[in-house]
Protein backbone atom coordinates (compact mmCIF):
# COMPACT_ATOMS: atom_id res chain seq x y z
CA MET A 1 47.53 86.30 155.29
CA SER A 2 44.04 87.50 154.29
CA ASP A 3 41.89 89.65 156.54
CA SER A 4 39.34 86.84 156.76
CA ALA A 5 41.81 84.65 158.40
CA VAL A 6 42.12 87.26 161.21
CA SER A 7 38.42 88.07 161.77
CA ASP A 8 35.16 87.04 160.33
CA SER A 9 32.64 89.18 158.52
CA ALA A 10 31.08 90.36 161.81
CA GLY A 11 34.36 91.64 163.17
CA THR A 12 34.81 88.66 165.69
CA PRO A 13 38.40 87.72 166.20
CA GLY A 14 39.39 84.60 164.18
CA PRO A 15 41.65 81.73 165.22
CA ALA A 16 44.83 83.32 163.90
CA ALA A 17 44.15 86.46 165.93
CA VAL A 18 43.54 84.47 169.08
CA ALA A 19 46.61 82.51 168.54
CA ALA A 20 48.58 85.67 168.07
CA GLY A 21 47.62 86.77 171.56
CA GLY A 22 44.46 88.81 171.09
CA PRO A 23 41.94 90.40 168.71
CA PRO A 24 43.04 92.96 166.10
CA ALA A 25 42.54 96.62 166.74
CA PRO A 26 39.05 97.73 165.83
CA GLU A 27 38.55 99.43 162.50
CA PRO A 28 37.54 103.08 162.66
CA PRO A 29 34.30 104.23 161.08
CA ALA A 30 34.77 104.82 157.39
CA GLY A 31 32.98 108.17 157.68
CA ARG A 32 35.62 109.45 160.04
CA VAL A 33 38.41 108.84 157.53
CA SER A 34 36.54 110.30 154.57
CA THR A 35 35.66 113.45 156.61
CA LEU A 36 39.31 114.07 157.51
CA ALA A 37 40.26 113.52 153.86
CA ARG A 38 37.97 116.26 152.68
CA ILE A 39 38.82 118.93 155.17
CA PRO A 40 41.90 120.53 153.49
CA SER A 41 40.23 120.82 150.04
CA SER A 42 36.89 122.18 151.16
CA ALA A 43 35.61 123.28 154.53
CA ALA A 44 38.70 124.28 156.36
CA LEU A 45 40.06 126.37 153.46
CA VAL A 46 36.79 128.13 152.67
CA VAL A 47 36.22 128.94 156.28
CA PHE A 48 39.72 130.39 156.63
CA LEU A 49 39.19 132.50 153.49
CA ILE A 50 35.85 133.80 154.80
CA LEU A 51 37.44 134.75 158.16
CA GLU A 52 40.15 136.60 156.27
CA ILE A 53 37.55 138.53 154.27
CA VAL A 54 35.52 139.44 157.38
CA PHE A 55 38.60 140.59 159.24
CA PHE A 56 39.95 142.83 156.52
CA ALA A 57 36.50 144.12 155.61
CA ALA A 58 36.13 145.25 159.29
CA ASN A 59 39.52 146.90 159.28
CA SER A 60 39.59 148.66 155.94
CA PRO A 61 36.69 150.56 154.23
CA TYR A 62 38.32 149.98 150.87
CA PHE A 63 38.42 146.21 150.93
CA LEU A 64 34.91 145.28 149.92
CA ASN A 65 34.47 146.81 146.53
CA TRP A 66 34.65 145.51 142.95
CA ASP A 67 37.84 147.38 141.98
CA ASN A 68 39.72 145.87 144.97
CA ALA A 69 38.39 142.45 144.08
CA THR A 70 39.74 142.77 140.49
CA ASN A 71 43.06 143.94 141.97
CA ILE A 72 43.28 140.85 144.03
CA LEU A 73 42.45 138.65 140.94
CA THR A 74 45.10 140.50 138.87
CA ALA A 75 47.72 140.16 141.65
CA ILE A 76 47.26 136.44 141.83
CA SER A 77 46.90 135.81 138.13
CA ILE A 78 50.57 135.29 137.17
CA THR A 79 51.28 133.09 140.27
CA GLY A 80 47.95 131.31 139.46
CA VAL A 81 49.02 130.31 135.96
CA LEU A 82 52.29 128.89 137.38
CA ALA A 83 50.37 127.21 140.23
CA ALA A 84 48.12 125.41 137.76
CA GLY A 85 51.06 123.69 136.25
CA ALA A 86 52.59 123.15 139.78
CA THR A 87 49.37 121.38 140.85
CA LEU A 88 49.60 118.92 137.94
CA LEU A 89 53.16 118.14 138.84
CA LEU A 90 52.70 117.92 142.62
CA VAL A 91 49.65 115.66 142.27
CA SER A 92 52.07 113.26 140.50
CA GLY A 93 54.72 113.65 143.31
CA GLN A 94 57.01 115.96 141.31
CA PHE A 95 58.25 119.52 141.75
CA ASP A 96 59.29 122.43 139.47
CA LEU A 97 61.14 125.18 141.34
CA SER A 98 62.49 126.81 138.18
CA VAL A 99 59.22 128.56 137.32
CA GLY A 100 60.27 131.97 138.80
CA SER A 101 63.56 132.14 136.87
CA GLY A 102 61.70 130.79 133.84
CA VAL A 103 59.35 133.85 133.93
CA GLY A 104 62.34 136.14 134.09
CA PHE A 105 64.03 134.37 131.21
CA VAL A 106 60.97 134.43 129.06
CA GLY A 107 60.59 138.17 129.67
CA LEU A 108 64.27 138.74 128.83
CA LEU A 109 63.94 136.89 125.54
CA LEU A 110 61.01 139.11 124.59
CA VAL A 111 62.48 142.48 125.42
CA GLU A 112 65.87 141.63 123.91
CA LEU A 113 64.52 140.23 120.72
CA GLN A 114 61.57 142.51 119.98
CA PRO A 115 63.69 145.34 118.51
CA HIS A 116 65.33 142.93 116.06
CA LEU A 117 62.62 140.49 115.24
CA GLY A 118 59.43 142.40 115.77
CA THR A 119 56.84 141.68 118.44
CA ALA A 120 55.13 138.56 116.90
CA ARG A 121 58.37 136.68 116.28
CA ALA A 122 59.88 137.76 119.64
CA VAL A 123 56.68 136.36 121.40
CA LEU A 124 57.12 133.00 119.55
CA VAL A 125 60.80 132.76 120.58
CA ALA A 126 59.90 133.61 124.18
CA ILE A 127 57.17 130.93 124.23
CA ALA A 128 59.74 128.43 122.79
CA GLY A 129 62.17 129.46 125.50
CA GLY A 130 59.65 128.57 128.25
CA ILE A 131 58.83 125.28 126.67
CA ALA A 132 62.62 124.60 126.35
CA ILE A 133 63.07 124.92 130.03
CA GLY A 134 60.25 122.33 130.55
CA LEU A 135 61.85 120.05 128.01
CA LEU A 136 65.17 120.29 129.81
CA ASN A 137 63.63 119.63 133.24
CA GLY A 138 61.68 116.72 131.77
CA PHE A 139 64.78 115.24 130.17
CA LEU A 140 66.91 115.55 133.25
CA VAL A 141 64.27 114.00 135.57
CA ASN A 142 62.74 111.34 133.40
CA VAL A 143 65.57 110.30 131.02
CA LEU A 144 68.64 110.77 133.18
CA GLY A 145 66.84 110.04 136.39
CA ILE A 146 67.90 112.99 138.49
CA ASN A 147 65.65 113.97 141.41
CA ALA A 148 63.12 116.67 140.37
CA LEU A 149 63.88 118.85 143.42
CA ILE A 150 67.67 118.94 142.58
CA THR A 151 67.05 119.32 138.90
CA THR A 152 64.71 122.31 139.14
CA LEU A 153 66.85 124.01 141.82
CA GLY A 154 69.72 123.66 139.39
CA THR A 155 67.78 125.10 136.44
CA LEU A 156 66.37 127.85 138.63
CA ALA A 157 69.99 128.94 139.29
CA ILE A 158 70.99 128.44 135.65
CA PHE A 159 68.21 130.61 134.04
CA ARG A 160 68.37 133.23 136.80
CA GLY A 161 72.12 133.49 136.16
CA LEU A 162 71.53 133.70 132.33
CA THR A 163 68.88 136.35 132.76
CA LEU A 164 71.14 138.58 134.92
CA ALA A 165 74.18 137.99 132.64
CA VAL A 166 72.49 138.64 129.31
CA GLY A 167 70.39 141.54 130.63
CA GLU A 168 73.31 142.93 132.60
CA GLY A 169 71.07 143.33 135.60
CA GLN A 170 69.19 146.25 133.97
CA ASN A 171 65.54 147.04 133.67
CA ILE A 172 64.72 146.81 129.90
CA ALA A 173 61.52 148.35 128.62
CA VAL A 174 59.33 146.84 125.99
CA ASN A 175 57.28 148.99 123.52
CA GLY A 176 53.86 148.28 122.03
CA PHE A 177 53.29 145.23 124.21
CA ASP A 178 50.72 146.50 126.68
CA TRP A 179 47.74 144.25 125.80
CA ALA A 180 47.52 142.82 129.29
CA ILE A 181 46.39 146.09 130.82
CA ALA A 182 43.09 146.04 128.93
CA ARG A 183 39.79 145.35 130.74
CA PRO A 184 37.45 143.83 128.19
CA PHE A 185 34.92 142.24 130.42
CA LEU A 186 33.27 143.66 133.66
CA ASN A 187 36.38 145.84 134.13
CA VAL A 188 38.42 142.71 134.79
CA PRO A 189 42.02 142.84 133.42
CA ILE A 190 43.08 140.31 130.84
CA PRO A 191 45.61 138.56 133.25
CA ALA A 192 42.71 137.65 135.56
CA LEU A 193 40.62 136.33 132.63
CA VAL A 194 43.61 134.26 131.38
CA PHE A 195 44.11 132.79 134.88
CA ILE A 196 40.48 131.90 135.03
CA ALA A 197 40.65 130.24 131.68
CA VAL A 198 43.85 128.34 132.57
CA ALA A 199 42.33 127.18 135.85
CA VAL A 200 39.22 125.87 134.09
CA VAL A 201 41.32 123.94 131.49
CA PHE A 202 43.52 122.31 134.11
CA ALA A 203 40.51 121.43 136.29
CA LEU A 204 38.85 119.68 133.25
CA VAL A 205 42.08 117.90 132.25
CA MET A 206 42.74 116.65 135.76
CA SER A 207 39.22 115.62 136.54
CA PHE A 208 37.84 114.33 133.28
CA THR A 209 40.67 113.02 131.18
CA VAL A 210 42.61 109.73 131.10
CA TYR A 211 45.90 111.75 131.50
CA GLY A 212 44.63 113.56 134.50
CA ARG A 213 43.49 110.31 136.23
CA GLU A 214 46.86 108.69 135.35
CA MET A 215 48.78 111.56 137.01
CA TYR A 216 46.82 110.93 140.27
CA ALA A 217 47.65 107.22 139.99
CA ILE A 218 51.28 108.02 139.45
CA GLY A 219 51.32 110.22 142.54
CA ALA A 220 49.59 107.71 144.65
CA ASN A 221 52.00 104.82 143.70
CA SER A 222 54.23 105.16 140.62
CA ASP A 223 55.29 101.48 140.69
CA ALA A 224 51.74 100.25 140.80
CA ALA A 225 50.90 102.73 138.04
CA ARG A 226 53.69 101.29 135.89
CA LEU A 227 52.51 97.72 136.48
CA VAL A 228 48.99 98.48 135.28
CA GLY A 229 50.44 99.90 132.05
CA ILE A 230 50.60 103.59 132.69
CA ARG A 231 53.57 105.27 130.84
CA VAL A 232 54.88 107.06 133.85
CA LYS A 233 57.99 108.65 132.40
CA ARG A 234 56.10 109.87 129.29
CA ASN A 235 53.35 111.42 131.44
CA LEU A 236 55.75 113.09 133.78
CA PHE A 237 57.81 114.42 130.85
CA LEU A 238 54.70 115.95 129.42
CA ALA A 239 53.86 117.57 132.81
CA PHE A 240 57.24 119.33 132.91
CA VAL A 241 56.73 120.61 129.36
CA ILE A 242 53.25 121.94 130.39
CA SER A 243 54.88 123.66 133.35
CA GLY A 244 57.31 125.22 130.86
CA LEU A 245 54.38 126.52 128.83
CA CYS A 246 52.89 127.96 131.91
CA MET A 247 56.14 129.79 132.52
CA ALA A 248 55.97 131.23 128.98
CA LEU A 249 52.40 132.44 129.41
CA ALA A 250 53.17 133.91 132.86
CA GLY A 251 56.26 135.66 131.49
CA LEU A 252 54.42 137.24 128.68
CA LEU A 253 51.60 138.35 131.06
CA ASN A 254 54.12 139.77 133.49
CA THR A 255 56.11 141.66 130.86
CA SER A 256 53.01 143.11 129.38
CA LEU A 257 51.63 144.25 132.71
CA ILE A 258 54.90 145.80 133.91
CA GLY A 259 56.07 147.00 130.55
CA SER A 260 59.65 145.86 131.16
CA SER A 261 61.81 143.00 132.33
CA SER A 262 64.87 142.76 134.50
CA GLY A 263 67.25 140.22 136.06
CA THR A 264 65.13 140.00 139.22
CA THR A 265 61.76 139.49 137.33
CA GLY A 266 59.95 136.44 138.71
CA THR A 267 62.03 136.15 141.89
CA GLY A 268 59.96 134.39 144.63
CA LEU A 269 57.23 133.22 142.20
CA GLU A 270 58.21 129.59 142.78
CA LEU A 271 57.65 130.01 146.47
CA ALA A 272 54.33 131.72 145.96
CA ALA A 273 53.12 129.04 143.58
CA VAL A 274 54.19 126.20 145.83
CA THR A 275 52.63 127.87 148.80
CA ALA A 276 49.30 128.24 147.09
CA VAL A 277 49.30 124.59 145.90
CA ILE A 278 50.21 123.01 149.30
CA LEU A 279 47.91 125.41 151.08
CA GLY A 280 45.18 124.36 148.71
CA GLY A 281 45.40 120.74 149.97
CA THR A 282 47.64 119.08 147.32
CA SER A 283 49.70 116.61 149.30
CA LEU A 284 53.48 116.63 149.11
CA GLN A 285 53.19 112.88 148.90
CA GLY A 286 51.27 113.12 145.65
CA GLY A 287 47.99 111.45 144.65
CA THR A 288 45.68 114.00 146.16
CA GLY A 289 44.68 117.64 145.49
CA GLY A 290 43.25 119.61 142.67
CA VAL A 291 42.80 123.03 140.98
CA PHE A 292 39.89 124.10 143.11
CA GLY A 293 41.92 123.85 146.27
CA THR A 294 44.87 125.71 144.56
CA ILE A 295 42.47 128.52 143.65
CA ILE A 296 41.35 128.76 147.27
CA GLY A 297 45.00 128.73 148.37
CA LEU A 298 45.82 131.51 145.93
CA LEU A 299 42.85 133.62 147.19
CA ILE A 300 43.93 133.11 150.77
CA VAL A 301 47.44 134.37 149.98
CA GLY A 302 46.13 137.21 147.73
CA VAL A 303 43.48 138.41 150.16
CA LEU A 304 46.13 138.31 152.94
CA SER A 305 48.61 140.41 150.94
CA ASN A 306 45.96 142.85 149.73
CA GLY A 307 44.40 143.24 153.20
CA LEU A 308 47.74 143.87 154.92
CA THR A 309 48.62 146.46 152.22
CA LEU A 310 45.34 148.32 152.84
CA MET A 311 46.15 148.20 156.54
CA ASN A 312 49.54 149.83 155.76
CA VAL A 313 51.49 146.74 157.02
CA ASP A 314 55.13 146.78 155.90
CA SER A 315 55.91 144.52 152.88
CA SER A 316 58.56 142.72 154.98
CA TRP A 317 55.93 141.58 157.41
CA GLN A 318 53.81 140.44 154.51
CA GLN A 319 56.65 138.07 153.49
CA VAL A 320 56.75 136.84 157.08
CA ALA A 321 53.05 136.09 156.83
CA THR A 322 53.33 134.36 153.55
CA GLY A 323 56.25 132.15 154.78
CA SER A 324 54.30 131.24 157.87
CA LEU A 325 51.39 130.17 155.74
CA LEU A 326 53.56 127.82 153.85
CA ILE A 327 55.04 126.23 157.02
CA LEU A 328 51.52 125.88 158.47
CA ALA A 329 50.29 124.39 155.21
CA VAL A 330 53.02 121.80 155.12
CA ALA A 331 52.60 121.10 158.81
CA PHE A 332 48.83 120.56 158.30
CA ASP A 333 49.55 118.36 155.37
CA ARG A 334 51.84 116.05 157.49
CA LEU A 335 49.30 116.09 160.40
CA ARG A 336 46.58 115.04 158.08
CA ALA A 337 48.61 112.32 156.54
CA ASN A 338 49.55 110.96 159.99
CA LEU A 339 45.98 111.06 161.26
CA LEU A 340 44.68 109.27 158.15
CA GLY A 341 47.51 106.71 158.46
CA GLY A 342 46.70 106.12 162.16
CA LEU A 343 43.01 105.72 161.47
CA ARG A 344 43.55 103.24 158.67
């Protein structure tokens, strides 16, 4: 039955509504819905970040200076590269929880192969290793039809186990691969500059390309996207490959910064990336979100960790705070979805 059969253009109950026992519920103002929809990606996040900055600036004399700002950017850069790929996937309603073990595996390939192949070839093999993880995830999810959450939990365990077994749990140093510690521009380290470049590229792709728009459509309703001619499986397969490329880049950055790799390298990065993406307003349901919100989410987590460190808060409590942020972000995402659903 069409809406016009229930009410006329002025909102007066139609014959079908009267026959059903009463008028339909009044429609809420459109502005109220659109305002709620914008809150997570703009005002609420920015206000929370500003409050964080004000609080830590008042409690530590070392917080508000350029060196500390670059430290925050560097600290979030590796997670940020992973979060960019995670944003693309989550917008389409998919997950990749293997990114942390992928970073460790890429680092292991580099440090193990460098003495035998040289730095350049070892880097190429390490990049190929990250892409291979993305290809495997994409194949399992889109060809075999296995749930993305189960798939990437499985590959997380596989590549973490491989990293521990091949590296024998040892910390292996790498020589002549310290390019990431350079500060070529405004005393900003290369990892921070790489993260900014990656964020810009992803923002442009997701906002101004056909592929980016199709990923939003897939996340909103994959069946409808398929019916209008979008190649859903191909797009999602490519997104997993892109996530693998992000693993490779993050692994190389991490290995260069630390100067070594071990079996535990990258542990927890999947949680950090997902926290930032969800906190940034990308919905677990797919179809909404973006890189700008993810950047704000990363800054919120980065400022929190940095500020608590400057206040000499134990690292265990920092993990508690980060986990609490993730739960609050998911709860807020569900609350917003329920509110919008009720208003519509």
